[in-house]
Amino acid sequence: MGQFQEAVSKRRTNYALGKNVNVSSKQIVAEIEQLVKDVPSAFNMQSARVVVAFGSNHDKIWQITKDILQKIVPEKNFAATEEKINGFAAAYGTVLYFDETLTVESMQKQYAAYADNFPVWAQQANGMLQFAIWTVLNNMGLGVNLQHYNPLIDDQVKKLFNVPPSWKLIAQMPFGEPLQVPGPIEKIDVSERVKIF
């Protein structure tokens, strides 16, 4: 098994995260910046945008999320929700994934015959970026998970980081010290998913 395949195989969802990590924020940012540059996109449209939040900025993302959910989750159910959000807040940092919708719209105008496909392609490229960053962070010894509290938190998060209105929030990725080894995960037999002719 090659190094890349091994890294992909070891990439897992980890919800038990802490703040004591063995890599610097500078190293983390360098890896993320390189991946944003290198991960491909259809027509090279490069619509993915990323915010990396550490320290109090990371904490604010999850406080916003908790405050919003407290207003909509029934009080009797909120304790479990709060525990879950506190778990994300306990992490070292968060990667926020966005799509620059103006870029997508520009490509739709430029290539009208493919207009309906560009939003789909933008999502695919963003997914590839999420997967690449997740795999590399995991390979650096960090625990990672992926969340989707958008669109509930979009407006406040965009205001917090002063991002353009055209940036659409796609996902949130807390990362940090892995406090537990993820348990086994059930996989469908690969013969049901791959056909060779």
N, C-alpha and C. Protein backbone atom coordinates (compact mmCIF):
# COMPACT_ATOMS: atom_id res chain seq x y z
N MET A 1 0.85 -1.18 0.00
CA MET A 1 0.00 0.00 0.00
C MET A 1 0.89 1.25 0.00
N GLY A 2 0.63 2.18 -0.92
CA GLY A 2 1.41 3.40 -1.00
C GLY A 2 1.07 4.38 0.12
N GLN A 3 1.88 5.40 0.26
CA GLN A 3 1.69 6.38 1.33
C GLN A 3 0.36 7.10 1.22
N PHE A 4 -0.03 7.46 -0.01
CA PHE A 4 -1.30 8.17 -0.20
C PHE A 4 -2.46 7.26 0.18
N GLN A 5 -2.44 6.02 -0.33
CA GLN A 5 -3.51 5.08 -0.02
C GLN A 5 -3.61 4.82 1.48
N GLU A 6 -2.47 4.73 2.13
CA GLU A 6 -2.47 4.50 3.58
C GLU A 6 -3.09 5.68 4.32
N ALA A 7 -2.75 6.90 3.87
CA ALA A 7 -3.32 8.09 4.50
C ALA A 7 -4.84 8.13 4.32
N VAL A 8 -5.30 7.76 3.12
CA VAL A 8 -6.74 7.73 2.86
C VAL A 8 -7.42 6.68 3.73
N SER A 9 -6.80 5.52 3.87
CA SER A 9 -7.38 4.44 4.68
C SER A 9 -7.47 4.81 6.16
N LYS A 10 -6.51 5.60 6.63
CA LYS A 10 -6.48 5.97 8.05
C LYS A 10 -7.36 7.17 8.38
N ARG A 11 -7.82 7.88 7.35
CA ARG A 11 -8.66 9.06 7.59
C ARG A 11 -10.00 8.63 8.18
N ARG A 12 -10.33 9.18 9.31
CA ARG A 12 -11.56 8.79 10.01
C ARG A 12 -12.19 10.01 10.67
N THR A 13 -13.46 9.88 11.01
CA THR A 13 -14.16 10.89 11.78
C THR A 13 -13.82 10.70 13.25
N ASN A 14 -13.41 11.80 13.90
CA ASN A 14 -13.09 11.75 15.33
C ASN A 14 -13.79 12.91 16.03
N TYR A 15 -14.70 12.57 16.94
CA TYR A 15 -15.46 13.58 17.67
C TYR A 15 -14.83 13.96 19.00
N ALA A 16 -13.90 13.14 19.49
CA ALA A 16 -13.27 13.40 20.80
C ALA A 16 -11.98 14.17 20.56
N LEU A 17 -12.07 15.49 20.65
CA LEU A 17 -10.95 16.36 20.30
C LEU A 17 -10.55 17.26 21.46
N GLY A 18 -9.26 17.58 21.51
CA GLY A 18 -8.74 18.50 22.52
C GLY A 18 -7.85 19.56 21.90
N LYS A 19 -7.31 20.41 22.73
CA LYS A 19 -6.53 21.56 22.26
C LYS A 19 -5.02 21.34 22.25
N ASN A 20 -4.54 20.25 22.86
CA ASN A 20 -3.10 20.01 22.95
C ASN A 20 -2.62 19.24 21.72
N VAL A 21 -2.08 19.97 20.75
CA VAL A 21 -1.63 19.34 19.50
C VAL A 21 -0.12 19.45 19.40
N ASN A 22 0.46 18.55 18.59
CA ASN A 22 1.92 18.49 18.45
C ASN A 22 2.42 19.18 17.19
N VAL A 23 1.55 19.90 16.51
CA VAL A 23 1.95 20.67 15.32
C VAL A 23 1.56 22.12 15.54
N SER A 24 2.30 23.02 14.92
CA SER A 24 2.03 24.45 15.10
C SER A 24 0.91 24.91 14.17
N SER A 25 0.28 26.00 14.55
CA SER A 25 -0.74 26.58 13.67
C SER A 25 -0.12 26.99 12.34
N LYS A 26 1.14 27.38 12.36
CA LYS A 26 1.84 27.77 11.12
C LYS A 26 1.95 26.57 10.18
N GLN A 27 2.28 25.39 10.72
CA GLN A 27 2.36 24.18 9.89
C GLN A 27 0.99 23.81 9.31
N ILE A 28 -0.03 23.92 10.14
CA ILE A 28 -1.39 23.59 9.70
C ILE A 28 -1.81 24.51 8.56
N VAL A 29 -1.58 25.81 8.75
CA VAL A 29 -1.96 26.79 7.72
C VAL A 29 -1.18 26.54 6.43
N ALA A 30 0.10 26.23 6.54
CA ALA A 30 0.92 25.98 5.34
C ALA A 30 0.37 24.81 4.53
N GLU A 31 -0.02 23.75 5.23
CA GLU A 31 -0.58 22.58 4.53
C GLU A 31 -1.90 22.93 3.87
N ILE A 32 -2.76 23.65 4.58
CA ILE A 32 -4.07 24.02 4.03
C ILE A 32 -3.90 24.93 2.81
N GLU A 33 -3.02 25.92 2.92
CA GLU A 33 -2.80 26.82 1.79
C GLU A 33 -2.31 26.07 0.56
N GLN A 34 -1.42 25.10 0.76
CA GLN A 34 -0.90 24.33 -0.37
C GLN A 34 -2.01 23.51 -1.03
N LEU A 35 -2.88 22.93 -0.21
CA LEU A 35 -3.97 22.13 -0.76
C LEU A 35 -5.00 22.99 -1.49
N VAL A 36 -5.29 24.17 -0.95
CA VAL A 36 -6.21 25.08 -1.64
C VAL A 36 -5.66 25.40 -3.03
N LYS A 37 -4.36 25.53 -3.12
CA LYS A 37 -3.70 25.81 -4.40
C LYS A 37 -3.73 24.60 -5.33
N ASP A 38 -3.55 23.41 -4.80
CA ASP A 38 -3.31 22.22 -5.62
C ASP A 38 -4.54 21.39 -5.96
N VAL A 39 -5.58 21.43 -5.15
CA VAL A 39 -6.75 20.59 -5.42
C VAL A 39 -7.47 21.11 -6.67
N PRO A 40 -7.81 20.21 -7.61
CA PRO A 40 -8.37 20.66 -8.89
C PRO A 40 -9.83 21.09 -8.80
N SER A 41 -10.26 21.81 -9.83
CA SER A 41 -11.66 22.19 -9.98
C SER A 41 -12.00 22.23 -11.46
N ALA A 42 -13.25 21.96 -11.79
CA ALA A 42 -13.70 21.95 -13.19
C ALA A 42 -13.43 23.31 -13.82
N PHE A 43 -12.92 23.29 -15.04
CA PHE A 43 -12.60 24.51 -15.77
C PHE A 43 -11.62 25.40 -15.01
N ASN A 44 -10.94 24.82 -14.02
CA ASN A 44 -10.00 25.57 -13.18
C ASN A 44 -10.67 26.80 -12.58
N MET A 45 -11.94 26.66 -12.17
CA MET A 45 -12.67 27.85 -11.70
C MET A 45 -12.25 28.31 -10.31
N GLN A 46 -11.69 27.41 -9.50
CA GLN A 46 -11.12 27.81 -8.21
C GLN A 46 -12.10 28.62 -7.35
N SER A 47 -13.31 28.10 -7.19
CA SER A 47 -14.34 28.82 -6.44
C SER A 47 -14.29 28.56 -4.94
N ALA A 48 -13.52 27.56 -4.50
CA ALA A 48 -13.46 27.24 -3.07
C ALA A 48 -12.74 28.34 -2.30
N ARG A 49 -13.24 28.66 -1.13
CA ARG A 49 -12.62 29.61 -0.21
C ARG A 49 -12.57 28.97 1.17
N VAL A 50 -11.57 29.32 1.95
CA VAL A 50 -11.37 28.70 3.27
C VAL A 50 -11.05 29.78 4.29
N VAL A 51 -11.60 29.62 5.49
CA VAL A 51 -11.21 30.39 6.66
C VAL A 51 -10.69 29.39 7.69
N VAL A 52 -9.51 29.63 8.24
CA VAL A 52 -8.96 28.78 9.30
C VAL A 52 -8.99 29.59 10.59
N ALA A 53 -9.69 29.08 11.58
CA ALA A 53 -9.88 29.82 12.84
C ALA A 53 -9.22 29.08 14.00
N PHE A 54 -8.44 29.83 14.77
CA PHE A 54 -7.79 29.30 15.97
C PHE A 54 -8.23 30.14 17.18
N GLY A 55 -7.94 29.61 18.38
CA GLY A 55 -8.13 30.37 19.61
C GLY A 55 -9.54 30.90 19.78
N SER A 56 -9.65 32.17 20.15
CA SER A 56 -10.97 32.75 20.43
C SER A 56 -11.85 32.79 19.19
N ASN A 57 -11.26 32.90 18.00
CA ASN A 57 -12.07 32.90 16.78
C ASN A 57 -12.71 31.54 16.55
N HIS A 58 -11.97 30.47 16.83
CA HIS A 58 -12.54 29.12 16.79
C HIS A 58 -13.68 29.01 17.80
N ASP A 59 -13.43 29.49 19.02
CA ASP A 59 -14.45 29.41 20.07
C ASP A 59 -15.74 30.14 19.67
N LYS A 60 -15.58 31.29 19.01
CA LYS A 60 -16.75 32.10 18.62
C LYS A 60 -17.64 31.38 17.63
N ILE A 61 -17.04 30.60 16.73
CA ILE A 61 -17.86 29.83 15.76
C ILE A 61 -18.83 28.94 16.50
N TRP A 62 -18.33 28.25 17.51
CA TRP A 62 -19.17 27.27 18.19
C TRP A 62 -20.09 27.92 19.21
N GLN A 63 -19.73 29.11 19.71
CA GLN A 63 -20.66 29.85 20.57
C GLN A 63 -21.84 30.36 19.74
N ILE A 64 -21.55 30.86 18.54
CA ILE A 64 -22.61 31.28 17.62
C ILE A 64 -23.54 30.10 17.34
N THR A 65 -22.96 28.95 17.04
CA THR A 65 -23.75 27.76 16.72
C THR A 65 -24.63 27.36 17.90
N LYS A 66 -24.04 27.36 19.09
CA LYS A 66 -24.80 26.98 20.28
C LYS A 66 -25.95 27.96 20.55
N ASP A 67 -25.65 29.25 20.44
CA ASP A 67 -26.67 30.27 20.70
C ASP A 67 -27.84 30.15 19.73
N ILE A 68 -27.54 29.91 18.47
CA ILE A 68 -28.60 29.78 17.47
C ILE A 68 -29.42 28.51 17.72
N LEU A 69 -28.75 27.41 17.99
CA LEU A 69 -29.47 26.16 18.23
C LEU A 69 -30.32 26.21 19.49
N GLN A 70 -29.87 26.95 20.49
CA GLN A 70 -30.64 27.06 21.73
C GLN A 70 -32.00 27.70 21.48
N LYS A 71 -32.08 28.53 20.45
CA LYS A 71 -33.34 29.20 20.12
C LYS A 71 -34.31 28.30 19.37
N ILE A 72 -33.80 27.23 18.75
CA ILE A 72 -34.68 26.41 17.92
C ILE A 72 -34.84 24.96 18.40
N VAL A 73 -33.90 24.49 19.21
CA VAL A 73 -34.00 23.12 19.74
C VAL A 73 -34.86 23.15 21.00
N PRO A 74 -35.84 22.25 21.12
CA PRO A 74 -36.66 22.22 22.34
C PRO A 74 -35.78 22.09 23.59
N GLU A 75 -36.19 22.78 24.64
CA GLU A 75 -35.38 22.84 25.87
C GLU A 75 -35.06 21.45 26.41
N LYS A 76 -36.01 20.54 26.33
CA LYS A 76 -35.80 19.19 26.87
C LYS A 76 -34.73 18.42 26.09
N ASN A 77 -34.46 18.84 24.84
CA ASN A 77 -33.48 18.15 24.00
C ASN A 77 -32.15 18.90 23.91
N PHE A 78 -32.09 20.08 24.52
CA PHE A 78 -30.93 20.93 24.27
C PHE A 78 -29.66 20.42 24.95
N ALA A 79 -29.77 19.72 26.05
CA ALA A 79 -28.57 19.25 26.77
C ALA A 79 -27.68 18.40 25.85
N ALA A 80 -28.29 17.51 25.08
CA ALA A 80 -27.51 16.66 24.17
C ALA A 80 -26.89 17.50 23.06
N THR A 81 -27.63 18.47 22.56
CA THR A 81 -27.11 19.38 21.52
C THR A 81 -25.95 20.19 22.06
N GLU A 82 -26.11 20.71 23.26
CA GLU A 82 -25.05 21.52 23.87
C GLU A 82 -23.78 20.70 24.08
N GLU A 83 -23.94 19.46 24.52
CA GLU A 83 -22.78 18.58 24.72
C GLU A 83 -22.03 18.36 23.40
N LYS A 84 -22.79 18.17 22.34
CA LYS A 84 -22.19 17.95 21.02
C LYS A 84 -21.41 19.20 20.57
N ILE A 85 -22.02 20.36 20.70
CA ILE A 85 -21.36 21.61 20.28
C ILE A 85 -20.14 21.88 21.16
N ASN A 86 -20.24 21.61 22.45
CA ASN A 86 -19.09 21.78 23.34
C ASN A 86 -17.93 20.89 22.91
N GLY A 87 -18.24 19.72 22.35
CA GLY A 87 -17.20 18.84 21.84
C GLY A 87 -16.45 19.46 20.68
N PHE A 88 -17.16 20.16 19.81
CA PHE A 88 -16.50 20.84 18.69
C PHE A 88 -15.68 22.03 19.20
N ALA A 89 -16.23 22.73 20.17
CA ALA A 89 -15.52 23.88 20.75
C ALA A 89 -14.25 23.45 21.47
N ALA A 90 -14.22 22.23 21.98
CA ALA A 90 -13.05 21.73 22.70
C ALA A 90 -11.86 21.48 21.79
N ALA A 91 -12.08 21.50 20.48
CA ALA A 91 -11.03 21.25 19.51
C ALA A 91 -10.03 22.42 19.46
N TYR A 92 -8.96 22.23 18.72
CA TYR A 92 -7.89 23.24 18.59
C TYR A 92 -8.25 24.35 17.60
N GLY A 93 -8.97 23.98 16.55
CA GLY A 93 -9.31 24.97 15.51
C GLY A 93 -10.43 24.46 14.63
N THR A 94 -10.85 25.32 13.70
CA THR A 94 -11.91 24.97 12.77
C THR A 94 -11.55 25.50 11.38
N VAL A 95 -11.77 24.66 10.37
CA VAL A 95 -11.69 25.10 8.99
C VAL A 95 -13.12 25.33 8.50
N LEU A 96 -13.38 26.52 7.98
CA LEU A 96 -14.67 26.83 7.37
C LEU A 96 -14.51 26.78 5.86
N TYR A 97 -15.41 26.09 5.20
CA TYR A 97 -15.37 25.95 3.74
C TYR A 97 -16.49 26.78 3.12
N PHE A 98 -16.12 27.56 2.11
CA PHE A 98 -17.07 28.40 1.39
C PHE A 98 -16.92 28.17 -0.12
N ASP A 99 -17.96 28.53 -0.87
CA ASP A 99 -17.85 28.67 -2.32
C ASP A 99 -18.08 30.13 -2.66
N GLU A 100 -17.25 30.65 -3.56
CA GLU A 100 -17.41 32.02 -4.05
C GLU A 100 -18.42 31.98 -5.19
N THR A 101 -19.65 32.39 -4.90
CA THR A 101 -20.74 32.25 -5.87
C THR A 101 -20.56 33.15 -7.08
N LEU A 102 -19.88 34.28 -6.92
CA LEU A 102 -19.64 35.15 -8.07
C LEU A 102 -18.76 34.47 -9.11
N THR A 103 -17.82 33.67 -8.64
CA THR A 103 -16.96 32.91 -9.55
C THR A 103 -17.79 31.91 -10.34
N VAL A 104 -18.68 31.22 -9.64
CA VAL A 104 -19.54 30.23 -10.29
C VAL A 104 -20.45 30.92 -11.31
N GLU A 105 -21.04 32.04 -10.93
CA GLU A 105 -21.93 32.77 -11.84
C GLU A 105 -21.17 33.27 -13.06
N SER A 106 -19.96 33.71 -12.87
CA SER A 106 -19.13 34.17 -13.99
C SER A 106 -18.87 33.04 -14.98
N MET A 107 -18.58 31.85 -14.46
CA MET A 107 -18.35 30.70 -15.32
C MET A 107 -19.63 30.31 -16.06
N GLN A 108 -20.77 30.43 -15.39
CA GLN A 108 -22.05 30.12 -16.04
C GLN A 108 -22.30 31.04 -17.23
N LYS A 109 -21.95 32.30 -17.07
CA LYS A 109 -22.14 33.26 -18.17
C LYS A 109 -21.14 33.01 -19.29
N GLN A 110 -19.93 32.66 -18.92
CA GLN A 110 -18.87 32.46 -19.90
C GLN A 110 -19.09 31.19 -20.72
N TYR A 111 -19.65 30.16 -20.07
CA TYR A 111 -19.86 28.88 -20.74
C TYR A 111 -21.34 28.50 -20.57
N ALA A 112 -22.20 29.19 -21.27
CA ALA A 112 -23.66 29.06 -21.09
C ALA A 112 -24.15 27.63 -21.32
N ALA A 113 -23.52 26.90 -22.23
CA ALA A 113 -23.98 25.53 -22.52
C ALA A 113 -23.84 24.62 -21.30
N TYR A 114 -22.94 24.96 -20.37
CA TYR A 114 -22.72 24.15 -19.18
C TYR A 114 -23.23 24.83 -17.90
N ALA A 115 -24.03 25.86 -18.06
CA ALA A 115 -24.41 26.71 -16.93
C ALA A 115 -24.97 25.92 -15.75
N ASP A 116 -25.83 24.95 -16.03
CA ASP A 116 -26.45 24.18 -14.93
C ASP A 116 -25.45 23.33 -14.17
N ASN A 117 -24.33 23.02 -14.80
CA ASN A 117 -23.36 22.13 -14.18
C ASN A 117 -22.40 22.83 -13.22
N PHE A 118 -22.17 24.12 -13.41
CA PHE A 118 -21.13 24.78 -12.62
C PHE A 118 -21.39 24.75 -11.11
N PRO A 119 -22.62 24.96 -10.63
CA PRO A 119 -22.83 24.83 -9.17
C PRO A 119 -22.52 23.43 -8.66
N VAL A 120 -22.85 22.41 -9.47
CA VAL A 120 -22.54 21.02 -9.09
C VAL A 120 -21.04 20.81 -9.07
N TRP A 121 -20.36 21.29 -10.10
CA TRP A 121 -18.91 21.14 -10.17
C TRP A 121 -18.22 21.88 -9.03
N ALA A 122 -18.74 23.03 -8.66
CA ALA A 122 -18.16 23.78 -7.54
C ALA A 122 -18.26 22.98 -6.25
N GLN A 123 -19.42 22.33 -6.04
CA GLN A 123 -19.60 21.50 -4.85
C GLN A 123 -18.65 20.30 -4.87
N GLN A 124 -18.47 19.72 -6.06
CA GLN A 124 -17.56 18.58 -6.16
C GLN A 124 -16.13 19.01 -5.81
N ALA A 125 -15.71 20.15 -6.34
CA ALA A 125 -14.36 20.65 -6.06
C ALA A 125 -14.20 20.96 -4.57
N ASN A 126 -15.24 21.53 -3.97
CA ASN A 126 -15.17 21.83 -2.54
C ASN A 126 -15.08 20.54 -1.74
N GLY A 127 -15.81 19.53 -2.16
CA GLY A 127 -15.74 18.23 -1.50
C GLY A 127 -14.35 17.61 -1.59
N MET A 128 -13.73 17.74 -2.77
CA MET A 128 -12.37 17.22 -2.91
C MET A 128 -11.41 17.96 -1.99
N LEU A 129 -11.60 19.28 -1.86
CA LEU A 129 -10.74 20.06 -0.98
C LEU A 129 -10.96 19.64 0.48
N GLN A 130 -12.21 19.46 0.88
CA GLN A 130 -12.50 19.02 2.24
C GLN A 130 -11.82 17.67 2.52
N PHE A 131 -11.96 16.75 1.59
CA PHE A 131 -11.36 15.44 1.76
C PHE A 131 -9.83 15.53 1.85
N ALA A 132 -9.23 16.34 0.99
CA ALA A 132 -7.78 16.47 0.98
C ALA A 132 -7.27 17.06 2.29
N ILE A 133 -7.92 18.13 2.75
CA ILE A 133 -7.50 18.77 4.00
C ILE A 133 -7.72 17.82 5.17
N TRP A 134 -8.86 17.15 5.20
CA TRP A 134 -9.16 16.19 6.26
C TRP A 134 -8.08 15.12 6.33
N THR A 135 -7.72 14.58 5.17
CA THR A 135 -6.73 13.50 5.12
C THR A 135 -5.36 13.99 5.60
N VAL A 136 -4.96 15.18 5.15
CA VAL A 136 -3.65 15.71 5.54
C VAL A 136 -3.62 16.05 7.03
N LEU A 137 -4.68 16.67 7.55
CA LEU A 137 -4.72 16.97 8.99
C LEU A 137 -4.64 15.69 9.81
N ASN A 138 -5.38 14.67 9.37
CA ASN A 138 -5.33 13.38 10.05
C ASN A 138 -3.93 12.79 9.98
N ASN A 139 -3.28 12.92 8.84
CA ASN A 139 -1.94 12.40 8.64
C ASN A 139 -0.91 13.14 9.50
N MET A 140 -1.25 14.37 9.91
CA MET A 140 -0.38 15.16 10.80
C MET A 140 -0.58 14.78 12.26
N GLY A 141 -1.46 13.80 12.51
CA GLY A 141 -1.71 13.35 13.87
C GLY A 141 -2.88 14.04 14.54
N LEU A 142 -3.71 14.74 13.77
CA LEU A 142 -4.85 15.46 14.33
C LEU A 142 -6.13 14.64 14.15
N GLY A 143 -7.06 14.84 15.07
CA GLY A 143 -8.40 14.28 14.93
C GLY A 143 -9.27 15.31 14.22
N VAL A 144 -10.20 14.85 13.39
CA VAL A 144 -10.98 15.74 12.54
C VAL A 144 -12.41 15.20 12.42
N ASN A 145 -13.37 16.12 12.29
CA ASN A 145 -14.71 15.73 11.87
C ASN A 145 -15.30 16.84 11.01
N LEU A 146 -16.40 16.56 10.35
CA LEU A 146 -17.00 17.52 9.41
C LEU A 146 -18.45 17.77 9.80
N GLN A 147 -18.81 19.05 9.88
CA GLN A 147 -20.15 19.45 10.31
C GLN A 147 -20.82 20.34 9.27
N HIS A 148 -22.15 20.42 9.36
CA HIS A 148 -22.92 21.22 8.40
C HIS A 148 -24.04 21.96 9.14
N TYR A 149 -23.67 23.03 9.82
CA TYR A 149 -24.67 23.86 10.52
C TYR A 149 -25.11 25.03 9.66
N ASN A 150 -24.66 25.07 8.43
CA ASN A 150 -25.16 26.03 7.48
C ASN A 150 -26.54 25.54 6.99
N PRO A 151 -27.49 26.40 6.68
CA PRO A 151 -27.37 27.86 6.63
C PRO A 151 -27.69 28.57 7.95
N LEU A 152 -27.95 27.81 9.02
CA LEU A 152 -28.35 28.44 10.28
C LEU A 152 -27.34 29.49 10.76
N ILE A 153 -26.06 29.17 10.63
CA ILE A 153 -25.03 30.04 11.21
C ILE A 153 -24.38 30.98 10.19
N ASP A 154 -24.80 30.90 8.95
CA ASP A 154 -24.09 31.59 7.86
C ASP A 154 -23.89 33.08 8.12
N ASP A 155 -24.98 33.78 8.38
CA ASP A 155 -24.89 35.25 8.47
C ASP A 155 -23.94 35.70 9.58
N GLN A 156 -24.05 35.07 10.75
CA GLN A 156 -23.21 35.50 11.87
C GLN A 156 -21.75 35.11 11.67
N VAL A 157 -21.51 33.95 11.08
CA VAL A 157 -20.14 33.53 10.82
C VAL A 157 -19.49 34.43 9.77
N LYS A 158 -20.24 34.75 8.72
CA LYS A 158 -19.71 35.63 7.68
C LYS A 158 -19.41 37.03 8.25
N LYS A 159 -20.26 37.49 9.14
CA LYS A 159 -20.02 38.78 9.78
C LYS A 159 -18.79 38.72 10.68
N LEU A 160 -18.64 37.63 11.43
CA LEU A 160 -17.51 37.47 12.33
C LEU A 160 -16.18 37.57 11.58
N PHE A 161 -16.11 36.96 10.41
CA PHE A 161 -14.86 36.93 9.67
C PHE A 161 -14.82 37.92 8.50
N ASN A 162 -15.84 38.75 8.41
CA ASN A 162 -15.87 39.82 7.42
C ASN A 162 -15.62 39.29 6.01
N VAL A 163 -16.28 38.19 5.68
CA VAL A 163 -16.13 37.63 4.34
C VAL A 163 -17.19 38.24 3.42
N PRO A 164 -16.94 38.27 2.12
CA PRO A 164 -17.90 38.87 1.19
C PRO A 164 -19.25 38.17 1.21
N PRO A 165 -20.32 38.90 0.94
CA PRO A 165 -21.66 38.28 0.90
C PRO A 165 -21.76 37.15 -0.11
N SER A 166 -20.92 37.17 -1.13
CA SER A 166 -20.96 36.14 -2.18
C SER A 166 -20.33 34.82 -1.76
N TRP A 167 -19.69 34.78 -0.60
CA TRP A 167 -19.14 33.52 -0.10
C TRP A 167 -20.26 32.73 0.57
N LYS A 168 -20.52 31.54 0.04
CA LYS A 168 -21.56 30.66 0.59
C LYS A 168 -20.91 29.61 1.48
N LEU A 169 -21.33 29.54 2.75
CA LEU A 169 -20.78 28.57 3.69
C LEU A 169 -21.25 27.16 3.32
N ILE A 170 -20.28 26.23 3.25
CA ILE A 170 -20.56 24.86 2.84
C ILE A 170 -20.44 23.89 4.01
N ALA A 171 -19.38 24.05 4.83
CA ALA A 171 -19.14 23.07 5.90
C ALA A 171 -18.19 23.65 6.94
N GLN A 172 -18.17 23.01 8.10
CA GLN A 172 -17.29 23.39 9.20
C GLN A 172 -16.52 22.14 9.63
N MET A 173 -15.19 22.29 9.80
CA MET A 173 -14.35 21.14 10.12
C MET A 173 -13.52 21.41 11.38
N PRO A 174 -14.01 20.99 12.55
CA PRO A 174 -13.19 21.10 13.76
C PRO A 174 -12.04 20.10 13.72
N PHE A 175 -10.90 20.50 14.26
CA PHE A 175 -9.74 19.60 14.30
C PHE A 175 -8.97 19.86 15.59
N GLY A 176 -8.28 18.83 16.06
CA GLY A 176 -7.51 19.00 17.29
C GLY A 176 -6.85 17.70 17.73
N GLU A 177 -6.48 17.71 18.99
CA GLU A 177 -5.84 16.54 19.60
C GLU A 177 -6.83 15.36 19.60
N PRO A 178 -6.47 14.21 19.04
CA PRO A 178 -7.38 13.07 19.09
C PRO A 178 -7.36 12.44 20.48
N LEU A 179 -8.47 12.50 21.17
CA LEU A 179 -8.55 11.99 22.54
C LEU A 179 -8.98 10.53 22.60
N GLN A 180 -9.53 10.03 21.51
CA GLN A 180 -9.94 8.62 21.42
C GLN A 180 -9.62 8.11 20.03
N VAL A 181 -9.43 6.82 19.92
CA VAL A 181 -9.29 6.19 18.62
C VAL A 181 -10.70 5.89 18.12
N PRO A 182 -11.06 6.35 16.91
CA PRO A 182 -12.40 6.04 16.41
C PRO A 182 -12.64 4.54 16.34
N GLY A 183 -13.85 4.12 16.64
CA GLY A 183 -14.21 2.70 16.59
C GLY A 183 -14.29 2.20 15.16
N PRO A 184 -14.46 0.89 14.99
CA PRO A 184 -14.56 0.33 13.64
C PRO A 184 -15.80 0.86 12.93
N ILE A 185 -15.71 0.91 11.62
CA ILE A 185 -16.83 1.39 10.82
C ILE A 185 -17.21 0.32 9.80
N GLU A 186 -18.50 0.10 9.64
CA GLU A 186 -18.98 -0.94 8.74
C GLU A 186 -18.92 -0.45 7.30
N LYS A 187 -18.38 -1.26 6.43
CA LYS A 187 -18.27 -0.91 5.01
C LYS A 187 -18.99 -1.96 4.17
N ILE A 188 -19.70 -1.50 3.15
CA ILE A 188 -20.31 -2.40 2.18
C ILE A 188 -19.19 -3.10 1.41
N ASP A 189 -19.41 -4.37 1.07
CA ASP A 189 -18.41 -5.09 0.30
C ASP A 189 -18.12 -4.34 -1.00
N VAL A 190 -16.84 -4.17 -1.28
CA VAL A 190 -16.44 -3.36 -2.43
C VAL A 190 -16.96 -3.93 -3.74
N SER A 191 -17.22 -5.23 -3.79
CA SER A 191 -17.74 -5.84 -5.03
C SER A 191 -19.13 -5.32 -5.38
N GLU A 192 -19.86 -4.81 -4.39
CA GLU A 192 -21.17 -4.22 -4.63
C GLU A 192 -21.07 -2.78 -5.15
N ARG A 193 -19.88 -2.21 -5.05
CA ARG A 193 -19.71 -0.79 -5.41
C ARG A 193 -18.81 -0.59 -6.62
N VAL A 194 -18.06 -1.60 -6.99
CA VAL A 194 -17.16 -1.49 -8.14
C VAL A 194 -17.42 -2.64 -9.10
N LYS A 195 -17.64 -2.31 -10.35
CA LYS A 195 -17.86 -3.33 -11.39
C LYS A 195 -16.72 -3.23 -12.40
N ILE A 196 -16.14 -4.35 -12.72
CA ILE A 196 -15.03 -4.41 -13.67
C ILE A 196 -15.49 -5.11 -14.94
N PHE A 197 -15.21 -4.54 -16.09
CA PHE A 197 -15.58 -5.13 -17.38
C PHE A 197 -14.37 -5.24 -18.29
